[in-house]
Amino acid sequence: MTVEQIDNEILDNLNSKILDSNPVWEGRDPTVEGLIKFAQYHVQQALEAAAQKAKIINVYKGRDWGFTGAEISESVVDKDSILNAYPLTNIK
């Protein structure tokens, strides 16, 4: 969904309200409605992309100097895999 698509929808809504017998807007300004719809769409897309592209990585924490001497690591979500899941170039 692009700004142009939202803009066209806003204009269509405005035209239909102007052509109505009562052109007074009820509720929010149509521009605000369009911006909210645009933001909701891209947030949803970003969340879905993050859910699909999130990676689990092992982070080295050190060595257990006790009985085994084994390396200790922790599995964590790779922050960059989430932050880079939905490119800003998708927002037009």
PDB file of N, CA and C in Angstrom:
ATOM      1  N   MET A   1       0.851  -1.171   0.000  1.00  0.00           N
ATOM      2  CA  MET A   1       0.000   0.000   0.000  1.00  0.00           C
ATOM      3  C   MET A   1       0.897   1.233   0.000  1.00  0.00           C
ATOM      4  N   THR A   2       0.618   2.146  -0.900  1.00  0.00           N
ATOM      5  CA  THR A   2       1.438   3.347  -1.015  1.00  0.00           C
ATOM      6  C   THR A   2       0.650   4.572  -0.583  1.00  0.00           C
ATOM      7  N   VAL A   3       1.364   5.680  -0.424  1.00  0.00           N
ATOM      8  CA  VAL A   3       0.718   6.946  -0.070  1.00  0.00           C
ATOM      9  C   VAL A   3      -0.289   7.330  -1.158  1.00  0.00           C
ATOM     10  N   GLU A   4       0.084   7.084  -2.413  1.00  0.00           N
ATOM     11  CA  GLU A   4      -0.817   7.431  -3.516  1.00  0.00           C
ATOM     12  C   GLU A   4      -2.136   6.660  -3.417  1.00  0.00           C
ATOM     13  N   GLN A   5      -2.056   5.375  -3.061  1.00  0.00           N
ATOM     14  CA  GLN A   5      -3.279   4.583  -2.922  1.00  0.00           C
ATOM     15  C   GLN A   5      -4.152   5.129  -1.792  1.00  0.00           C
ATOM     16  N   ILE A   6      -3.516   5.464  -0.674  1.00  0.00           N
ATOM     17  CA  ILE A   6      -4.264   6.047   0.447  1.00  0.00           C
ATOM     18  C   ILE A   6      -4.852   7.392   0.042  1.00  0.00           C
ATOM     19  N   ASP A   7      -4.062   8.204  -0.657  1.00  0.00           N
ATOM     20  CA  ASP A   7      -4.506   9.520  -1.092  1.00  0.00           C
ATOM     21  C   ASP A   7      -5.723   9.402  -2.004  1.00  0.00           C
ATOM     22  N   ASN A   8      -5.693   8.449  -2.941  1.00  0.00           N
ATOM     23  CA  ASN A   8      -6.837   8.243  -3.823  1.00  0.00           C
ATOM     24  C   ASN A   8      -8.073   7.819  -3.040  1.00  0.00           C
ATOM     25  N   GLU A   9      -7.872   6.988  -2.043  1.00  0.00           N
ATOM     26  CA  GLU A   9      -9.003   6.556  -1.216  1.00  0.00           C
ATOM     27  C   GLU A   9      -9.579   7.740  -0.433  1.00  0.00           C
ATOM     28  N   ILE A  10      -8.692   8.595   0.072  1.00  0.00           N
ATOM     29  CA  ILE A  10      -9.157   9.793   0.800  1.00  0.00           C
ATOM     30  C   ILE A  10      -9.975  10.676  -0.132  1.00  0.00           C
ATOM     31  N   LEU A  11      -9.454  10.911  -1.345  1.00  0.00           N
ATOM     32  CA  LEU A  11     -10.181  11.749  -2.302  1.00  0.00           C
ATOM     33  C   LEU A  11     -11.524  11.137  -2.658  1.00  0.00           C
ATOM     34  N   ASP A  12     -11.570   9.830  -2.845  1.00  0.00           N
ATOM     35  CA  ASP A  12     -12.841   9.169  -3.134  1.00  0.00           C
ATOM     36  C   ASP A  12     -13.832   9.369  -1.992  1.00  0.00           C
ATOM     37  N   ASN A  13     -13.348   9.233  -0.751  1.00  0.00           N
ATOM     38  CA  ASN A  13     -14.209   9.429   0.412  1.00  0.00           C
ATOM     39  C   ASN A  13     -14.694  10.872   0.502  1.00  0.00           C
ATOM     40  N   LEU A  14     -13.786  11.810   0.229  1.00  0.00           N
ATOM     41  CA  LEU A  14     -14.171  13.228   0.268  1.00  0.00           C
ATOM     42  C   LEU A  14     -15.228  13.520  -0.796  1.00  0.00           C
ATOM     43  N   ASN A  15     -14.994  13.024  -2.008  1.00  0.00           N
ATOM     44  CA  ASN A  15     -15.952  13.268  -3.086  1.00  0.00           C
ATOM     45  C   ASN A  15     -17.314  12.692  -2.760  1.00  0.00           C
ATOM     46  N   SER A  16     -17.349  11.516  -2.184  1.00  0.00           N
ATOM     47  CA  SER A  16     -18.647  10.918  -1.850  1.00  0.00           C
ATOM     48  C   SER A  16     -19.336  11.718  -0.748  1.00  0.00           C
ATOM     49  N   LYS A  17     -18.576  12.259   0.189  1.00  0.00           N
ATOM     50  CA  LYS A  17     -19.177  13.062   1.253  1.00  0.00           C
ATOM     51  C   LYS A  17     -19.681  14.404   0.719  1.00  0.00           C
ATOM     52  N   ILE A  18     -18.944  14.977  -0.237  1.00  0.00           N
ATOM     53  CA  ILE A  18     -19.359  16.250  -0.818  1.00  0.00           C
ATOM     54  C   ILE A  18     -20.626  16.056  -1.643  1.00  0.00           C
ATOM     55  N   LEU A  19     -20.729  14.931  -2.325  1.00  0.00           N
ATOM     56  CA  LEU A  19     -21.905  14.668  -3.147  1.00  0.00           C
ATOM     57  C   LEU A  19     -23.123  14.294  -2.319  1.00  0.00           C
ATOM     58  N   ASP A  20     -22.891  13.864  -1.079  1.00  0.00           N
ATOM     59  CA  ASP A  20     -24.025  13.554  -0.195  1.00  0.00           C
ATOM     60  C   ASP A  20     -24.789  14.831   0.112  1.00  0.00           C
ATOM     61  N   SER A  21     -26.020  14.659   0.559  1.00  0.00           N
ATOM     62  CA  SER A  21     -26.815  15.832   0.915  1.00  0.00           C
ATOM     63  C   SER A  21     -26.254  16.544   2.139  1.00  0.00           C
ATOM     64  N   ASN A  22     -25.554  15.814   2.989  1.00  0.00           N
ATOM     65  CA  ASN A  22     -24.966  16.412   4.184  1.00  0.00           C
ATOM     66  C   ASN A  22     -23.452  16.192   4.142  1.00  0.00           C
ATOM     67  N   PRO A  23     -22.677  17.147   3.609  1.00  0.00           N
ATOM     68  CA  PRO A  23     -21.241  16.947   3.457  1.00  0.00           C
ATOM     69  C   PRO A  23     -20.426  17.147   4.735  1.00  0.00           C
ATOM     70  N   VAL A  24     -21.093  17.295   5.857  1.00  0.00           N
ATOM     71  CA  VAL A  24     -20.360  17.484   7.106  1.00  0.00           C
ATOM     72  C   VAL A  24     -19.738  16.156   7.524  1.00  0.00           C
ATOM     73  N   TRP A  25     -18.431  16.169   7.837  1.00  0.00           N
ATOM     74  CA  TRP A  25     -17.738  14.952   8.228  1.00  0.00           C
ATOM     75  C   TRP A  25     -18.095  14.577   9.649  1.00  0.00           C
ATOM     76  N   GLU A  26     -18.343  13.336   9.827  1.00  0.00           N
ATOM     77  CA  GLU A  26     -18.555  12.820  11.169  1.00  0.00           C
ATOM     78  C   GLU A  26     -17.311  12.053  11.555  1.00  0.00           C
ATOM     79  N   GLY A  27     -16.864  12.206  12.767  1.00  0.00           N
ATOM     80  CA  GLY A  27     -15.668  11.503  13.213  1.00  0.00           C
ATOM     81  C   GLY A  27     -14.408  12.252  12.826  1.00  0.00           C
ATOM     82  N   ARG A  28     -13.344  11.497  12.521  1.00  0.00           N
ATOM     83  CA  ARG A  28     -12.039  12.083  12.231  1.00  0.00           C
ATOM     84  C   ARG A  28     -11.958  12.670  10.832  1.00  0.00           C
ATOM     85  N   ASP A  29     -11.023  13.575  10.682  1.00  0.00           N
ATOM     86  CA  ASP A  29     -10.670  14.129   9.383  1.00  0.00           C
ATOM     87  C   ASP A  29     -10.238  12.977   8.471  1.00  0.00           C
ATOM     88  N   PRO A  30     -10.685  12.945   7.226  1.00  0.00           N
ATOM     89  CA  PRO A  30     -10.323  11.849   6.318  1.00  0.00           C
ATOM     90  C   PRO A  30      -8.813  11.718   6.096  1.00  0.00           C
ATOM     91  N   THR A  31      -8.085  12.819   6.165  1.00  0.00           N
ATOM     92  CA  THR A  31      -6.631  12.747   6.009  1.00  0.00           C
ATOM     93  C   THR A  31      -6.013  11.972   7.159  1.00  0.00           C
ATOM     94  N   VAL A  32      -6.491  12.248   8.361  1.00  0.00           N
ATOM     95  CA  VAL A  32      -6.003  11.533   9.542  1.00  0.00           C
ATOM     96  C   VAL A  32      -6.352  10.053   9.427  1.00  0.00           C
ATOM     97  N   GLU A  33      -7.562   9.757   8.979  1.00  0.00           N
ATOM     98  CA  GLU A  33      -7.971   8.362   8.783  1.00  0.00           C
ATOM     99  C   GLU A  33      -7.035   7.662   7.803  1.00  0.00           C
ATOM    100  N   GLY A  34      -6.683   8.348   6.727  1.00  0.00           N
ATOM    101  CA  GLY A  34      -5.780   7.772   5.738  1.00  0.00           C
ATOM    102  C   GLY A  34      -4.397   7.521   6.303  1.00  0.00           C
ATOM    103  N   LEU A  35      -3.896   8.461   7.084  1.00  0.00           N
ATOM    104  CA  LEU A  35      -2.578   8.286   7.695  1.00  0.00           C
ATOM    105  C   LEU A  35      -2.570   7.126   8.684  1.00  0.00           C
ATOM    106  N   ILE A  36      -3.646   6.995   9.433  1.00  0.00           N
ATOM    107  CA  ILE A  36      -3.750   5.890  10.384  1.00  0.00           C
ATOM    108  C   ILE A  36      -3.790   4.560   9.631  1.00  0.00           C
ATOM    109  N   LYS A  37      -4.577   4.506   8.566  1.00  0.00           N
ATOM    110  CA  LYS A  37      -4.671   3.285   7.776  1.00  0.00           C
ATOM    111  C   LYS A  37      -3.311   2.927   7.159  1.00  0.00           C
ATOM    112  N   PHE A  38      -2.599   3.925   6.659  1.00  0.00           N
ATOM    113  CA  PHE A  38      -1.266   3.737   6.075  1.00  0.00           C
ATOM    114  C   PHE A  38      -0.298   3.184   7.127  1.00  0.00           C
ATOM    115  N   ALA A  39      -0.304   3.782   8.310  1.00  0.00           N
ATOM    116  CA  ALA A  39       0.585   3.330   9.386  1.00  0.00           C
ATOM    117  C   ALA A  39       0.226   1.918   9.837  1.00  0.00           C
ATOM    118  N   GLN A  40      -1.055   1.637  10.003  1.00  0.00           N
ATOM    119  CA  GLN A  40      -1.476   0.303  10.424  1.00  0.00           C
ATOM    120  C   GLN A  40      -1.039  -0.757   9.418  1.00  0.00           C
ATOM    121  N   TYR A  41      -1.182  -0.457   8.141  1.00  0.00           N
ATOM    122  CA  TYR A  41      -0.789  -1.406   7.102  1.00  0.00           C
ATOM    123  C   TYR A  41       0.707  -1.723   7.211  1.00  0.00           C
ATOM    124  N   HIS A  42       1.538  -0.690   7.296  1.00  0.00           N
ATOM    125  CA  HIS A  42       2.981  -0.917   7.307  1.00  0.00           C
ATOM    126  C   HIS A  42       3.472  -1.526   8.622  1.00  0.00           C
ATOM    127  N   VAL A  43       2.845  -1.198   9.717  1.00  0.00           N
ATOM    128  CA  VAL A  43       3.212  -1.843  10.982  1.00  0.00           C
ATOM    129  C   VAL A  43       2.879  -3.328  10.914  1.00  0.00           C
ATOM    130  N   GLN A  44       1.711  -3.662  10.384  1.00  0.00           N
ATOM    131  CA  GLN A  44       1.320  -5.072  10.241  1.00  0.00           C
ATOM    132  C   GLN A  44       2.299  -5.814   9.346  1.00  0.00           C
ATOM    133  N   GLN A  45       2.664  -5.202   8.218  1.00  0.00           N
ATOM    134  CA  GLN A  45       3.615  -5.825   7.301  1.00  0.00           C
ATOM    135  C   GLN A  45       4.976  -6.019   7.971  1.00  0.00           C
ATOM    136  N   ALA A  46       5.411  -5.021   8.738  1.00  0.00           N
ATOM    137  CA  ALA A  46       6.702  -5.120   9.427  1.00  0.00           C
ATOM    138  C   ALA A  46       6.682  -6.212  10.487  1.00  0.00           C
ATOM    139  N   LEU A  47       5.592  -6.331  11.219  1.00  0.00           N
ATOM    140  CA  LEU A  47       5.490  -7.377  12.244  1.00  0.00           C
ATOM    141  C   LEU A  47       5.492  -8.773  11.610  1.00  0.00           C
ATOM    142  N   GLU A  48       4.782  -8.922  10.510  1.00  0.00           N
ATOM    143  CA  GLU A  48       4.768 -10.217   9.830  1.00  0.00           C
ATOM    144  C   GLU A  48       6.156 -10.567   9.287  1.00  0.00           C
ATOM    145  N   ALA A  49       6.839  -9.581   8.712  1.00  0.00           N
ATOM    146  CA  ALA A  49       8.187  -9.814   8.200  1.00  0.00           C
ATOM    147  C   ALA A  49       9.136 -10.185   9.334  1.00  0.00           C
ATOM    148  N   ALA A  50       9.023  -9.499  10.462  1.00  0.00           N
ATOM    149  CA  ALA A  50       9.881  -9.797  11.609  1.00  0.00           C
ATOM    150  C   ALA A  50       9.614 -11.203  12.139  1.00  0.00           C
ATOM    151  N   ALA A  51       8.345 -11.585  12.178  1.00  0.00           N
ATOM    152  CA  ALA A  51       8.009 -12.929  12.664  1.00  0.00           C
ATOM    153  C   ALA A  51       8.589 -14.005  11.748  1.00  0.00           C
ATOM    154  N   GLN A  52       8.610 -13.738  10.454  1.00  0.00           N
ATOM    155  CA  GLN A  52       9.133 -14.718   9.500  1.00  0.00           C
ATOM    156  C   GLN A  52      10.659 -14.743   9.455  1.00  0.00           C
ATOM    157  N   LYS A  53      11.289 -13.591   9.673  1.00  0.00           N
ATOM    158  CA  LYS A  53      12.730 -13.488   9.461  1.00  0.00           C
ATOM    159  C   LYS A  53      13.562 -13.463  10.743  1.00  0.00           C
ATOM    160  N   ALA A  54      12.917 -13.528  11.893  1.00  0.00           N
ATOM    161  CA  ALA A  54      13.665 -13.514  13.153  1.00  0.00           C
ATOM    162  C   ALA A  54      14.548 -14.748  13.245  1.00  0.00           C
ATOM    163  N   LYS A  55      15.768 -14.544  13.691  1.00  0.00           N
ATOM    164  CA  LYS A  55      16.725 -15.641  13.816  1.00  0.00           C
ATOM    165  C   LYS A  55      17.153 -15.795  15.270  1.00  0.00           C
ATOM    166  N   ILE A  56      17.412 -17.023  15.639  1.00  0.00           N
ATOM    167  CA  ILE A  56      17.957 -17.334  16.959  1.00  0.00           C
ATOM    168  C   ILE A  56      19.457 -17.561  16.779  1.00  0.00           C
ATOM    169  N   ILE A  57      20.238 -16.901  17.623  1.00  0.00           N
ATOM    170  CA  ILE A  57      21.686 -17.090  17.561  1.00  0.00           C
ATOM    171  C   ILE A  57      22.195 -17.507  18.936  1.00  0.00           C
ATOM    172  N   ASN A  58      23.331 -18.163  18.957  1.00  0.00           N
ATOM    173  CA  ASN A  58      23.973 -18.527  20.218  1.00  0.00           C
ATOM    174  C   ASN A  58      25.041 -17.499  20.538  1.00  0.00           C
ATOM    175  N   VAL A  59      24.979 -16.959  21.735  1.00  0.00           N
ATOM    176  CA  VAL A  59      25.943 -15.966  22.187  1.00  0.00           C
ATOM    177  C   VAL A  59      26.854 -16.627  23.222  1.00  0.00           C
ATOM    178  N   TYR A  60      28.129 -16.547  22.950  1.00  0.00           N
ATOM    179  CA  TYR A  60      29.118 -17.146  23.851  1.00  0.00           C
ATOM    180  C   TYR A  60      29.142 -16.365  25.158  1.00  0.00           C
ATOM    181  N   LYS A  61      29.012 -17.080  26.274  1.00  0.00           N
ATOM    182  CA  LYS A  61      28.986 -16.452  27.598  1.00  0.00           C
ATOM    183  C   LYS A  61      30.247 -16.719  28.405  1.00  0.00           C
ATOM    184  N   GLY A  62      31.022 -17.662  27.986  1.00  0.00           N
ATOM    185  CA  GLY A  62      32.235 -17.981  28.734  1.00  0.00           C
ATOM    186  C   GLY A  62      32.421 -19.479  28.836  1.00  0.00           C
ATOM    187  N   ARG A  63      33.198 -19.855  29.799  1.00  0.00           N
ATOM    188  CA  ARG A  63      33.513 -21.262  29.990  1.00  0.00           C
ATOM    189  C   ARG A  63      33.191 -21.639  31.432  1.00  0.00           C
ATOM    190  N   ASP A  64      32.629 -22.829  31.572  1.00  0.00           N
ATOM    191  CA  ASP A  64      32.358 -23.374  32.895  1.00  0.00           C
ATOM    192  C   ASP A  64      33.671 -23.963  33.425  1.00  0.00           C
ATOM    193  N   TRP A  65      34.274 -23.279  34.351  1.00  0.00           N
ATOM    194  CA  TRP A  65      35.571 -23.723  34.862  1.00  0.00           C
ATOM    195  C   TRP A  65      35.417 -24.753  35.972  1.00  0.00           C
ATOM    196  N   GLY A  66      34.216 -25.267  36.104  1.00  0.00           N
ATOM    197  CA  GLY A  66      33.981 -26.317  37.090  1.00  0.00           C
ATOM    198  C   GLY A  66      34.386 -27.675  36.580  1.00  0.00           C
ATOM    199  N   PHE A  67      33.541 -28.627  36.745  1.00  0.00           N
ATOM    200  CA  PHE A  67      33.839 -30.027  36.451  1.00  0.00           C
ATOM    201  C   PHE A  67      34.109 -30.303  34.967  1.00  0.00           C
ATOM    202  N   THR A  68      33.277 -29.740  34.068  1.00  0.00           N
ATOM    203  CA  THR A  68      33.383 -30.112  32.650  1.00  0.00           C
ATOM    204  C   THR A  68      34.280 -29.191  31.831  1.00  0.00           C
ATOM    205  N   GLY A  69      34.379 -27.953  32.204  1.00  0.00           N
ATOM    206  CA  GLY A  69      35.135 -26.986  31.402  1.00  0.00           C
ATOM    207  C   GLY A  69      34.443 -26.635  30.094  1.00  0.00           C
ATOM    208  N   ALA A  70      33.166 -26.937  30.000  1.00  0.00           N
ATOM    209  CA  ALA A  70      32.417 -26.706  28.764  1.00  0.00           C
ATOM    210  C   ALA A  70      32.177 -25.213  28.528  1.00  0.00           C
ATOM    211  N   GLU A  71      32.065 -24.872  27.257  1.00  0.00           N
ATOM    212  CA  GLU A  71      31.696 -23.501  26.893  1.00  0.00           C
ATOM    213  C   GLU A  71      30.231 -23.264  27.219  1.00  0.00           C
ATOM    214  N   ILE A  72      29.932 -22.062  27.655  1.00  0.00           N
ATOM    215  CA  ILE A  72      28.554 -21.701  27.989  1.00  0.00           C
ATOM    216  C   ILE A  72      28.070 -20.687  26.958  1.00  0.00           C
ATOM    217  N   SER A  73      26.926 -20.972  26.362  1.00  0.00           N
ATOM    218  CA  SER A  73      26.326 -20.025  25.429  1.00  0.00           C
ATOM    219  C   SER A  73      24.848 -19.898  25.749  1.00  0.00           C
ATOM    220  N   GLU A  74      24.271 -18.839  25.221  1.00  0.00           N
ATOM    221  CA  GLU A  74      22.856 -18.571  25.457  1.00  0.00           C
ATOM    222  C   GLU A  74      22.192 -18.332  24.107  1.00  0.00           C
ATOM    223  N   SER A  75      21.037 -18.903  23.886  1.00  0.00           N
ATOM    224  CA  SER A  75      20.282 -18.664  22.660  1.00  0.00           C
ATOM    225  C   SER A  75      19.442 -17.410  22.836  1.00  0.00           C
ATOM    226  N   VAL A  76      19.598 -16.478  21.892  1.00  0.00           N
ATOM    227  CA  VAL A  76      18.859 -15.216  21.937  1.00  0.00           C
ATOM    228  C   VAL A  76      18.347 -14.890  20.539  1.00  0.00           C
ATOM    229  N   VAL A  77      17.369 -14.013  20.474  1.00  0.00           N
ATOM    230  CA  VAL A  77      16.875 -13.544  19.182  1.00  0.00           C
ATOM    231  C   VAL A  77      17.851 -12.500  18.657  1.00  0.00           C
ATOM    232  N   ASP A  78      18.247 -12.665  17.398  1.00  0.00           N
ATOM    233  CA  ASP A  78      19.139 -11.712  16.753  1.00  0.00           C
ATOM    234  C   ASP A  78      18.375 -10.425  16.467  1.00  0.00           C
ATOM    235  N   LYS A  79      18.718  -9.368  17.181  1.00  0.00           N
ATOM    236  CA  LYS A  79      18.027  -8.082  17.069  1.00  0.00           C
ATOM    237  C   LYS A  79      18.064  -7.553  15.636  1.00  0.00           C
ATOM    238  N   ASP A  80      19.207  -7.672  14.961  1.00  0.00           N
ATOM    239  CA  ASP A  80      19.324  -7.157  13.599  1.00  0.00           C
ATOM    240  C   ASP A  80      18.399  -7.885  12.622  1.00  0.00           C
ATOM    241  N   SER A  81      18.151  -9.171  12.853  1.00  0.00           N
ATOM    242  CA  SER A  81      17.255  -9.901  11.947  1.00  0.00           C
ATOM    243  C   SER A  81      15.836  -9.350  12.024  1.00  0.00           C
ATOM    244  N   ILE A  82      15.469  -8.807  13.161  1.00  0.00           N
ATOM    245  CA  ILE A  82      14.146  -8.193  13.315  1.00  0.00           C
ATOM    246  C   ILE A  82      14.140  -6.777  12.752  1.00  0.00           C
ATOM    247  N   LEU A  83      15.162  -5.990  13.132  1.00  0.00           N
ATOM    248  CA  LEU A  83      15.200  -4.600  12.694  1.00  0.00           C
ATOM    249  C   LEU A  83      15.351  -4.456  11.184  1.00  0.00           C
ATOM    250  N   ASN A  84      15.953  -5.439  10.540  1.00  0.00           N
ATOM    251  CA  ASN A  84      16.155  -5.381   9.088  1.00  0.00           C
ATOM    252  C   ASN A  84      15.135  -6.204   8.306  1.00  0.00           C
ATOM    253  N   ALA A  85      14.128  -6.731   8.975  1.00  0.00           N
ATOM    254  CA  ALA A  85      13.154  -7.605   8.320  1.00  0.00           C
ATOM    255  C   ALA A  85      12.269  -6.853   7.322  1.00  0.00           C
ATOM    256  N   TYR A  86      11.959  -5.612   7.602  1.00  0.00           N
ATOM    257  CA  TYR A  86      11.065  -4.830   6.736  1.00  0.00           C
ATOM    258  C   TYR A  86      11.786  -3.559   6.323  1.00  0.00           C
ATOM    259  N   PRO A  87      12.330  -3.532   5.111  1.00  0.00           N
ATOM    260  CA  PRO A  87      13.087  -2.359   4.677  1.00  0.00           C
ATOM    261  C   PRO A  87      12.237  -1.095   4.611  1.00  0.00           C
ATOM    262  N   LEU A  88      12.815   0.021   4.985  1.00  0.00           N
ATOM    263  CA  LEU A  88      12.105   1.298   4.935  1.00  0.00           C
ATOM    264  C   LEU A  88      11.739   1.675   3.500  1.00  0.00           C
ATOM    265  N   THR A  89      12.413   1.099   2.533  1.00  0.00           N
ATOM    266  CA  THR A  89      12.070   1.387   1.136  1.00  0.00           C
ATOM    267  C   THR A  89      10.703   0.828   0.760  1.00  0.00           C
ATOM    268  N   ASN A  90      10.137  -0.043   1.595  1.00  0.00           N
ATOM    269  CA  ASN A  90       8.778  -0.545   1.356  1.00  0.00           C
ATOM    270  C   ASN A  90       7.722   0.517   1.636  1.00  0.00           C
ATOM    271  N   ILE A  91       8.087   1.552   2.365  1.00  0.00           N
ATOM    272  CA  ILE A  91       7.138   2.614   2.722  1.00  0.00           C
ATOM    273  C   ILE A  91       7.259   3.706   1.675  1.00  0.00           C
ATOM    274  N   LYS A  92       6.232   3.813   0.851  1.00  0.00           N
ATOM    275  CA  LYS A  92       6.257   4.770  -0.282  1.00  0.00           C
ATOM    276  C   LYS A  92       5.080   5.707  -0.231  1.00  0.00           C
TER     277      LYS A  92
END
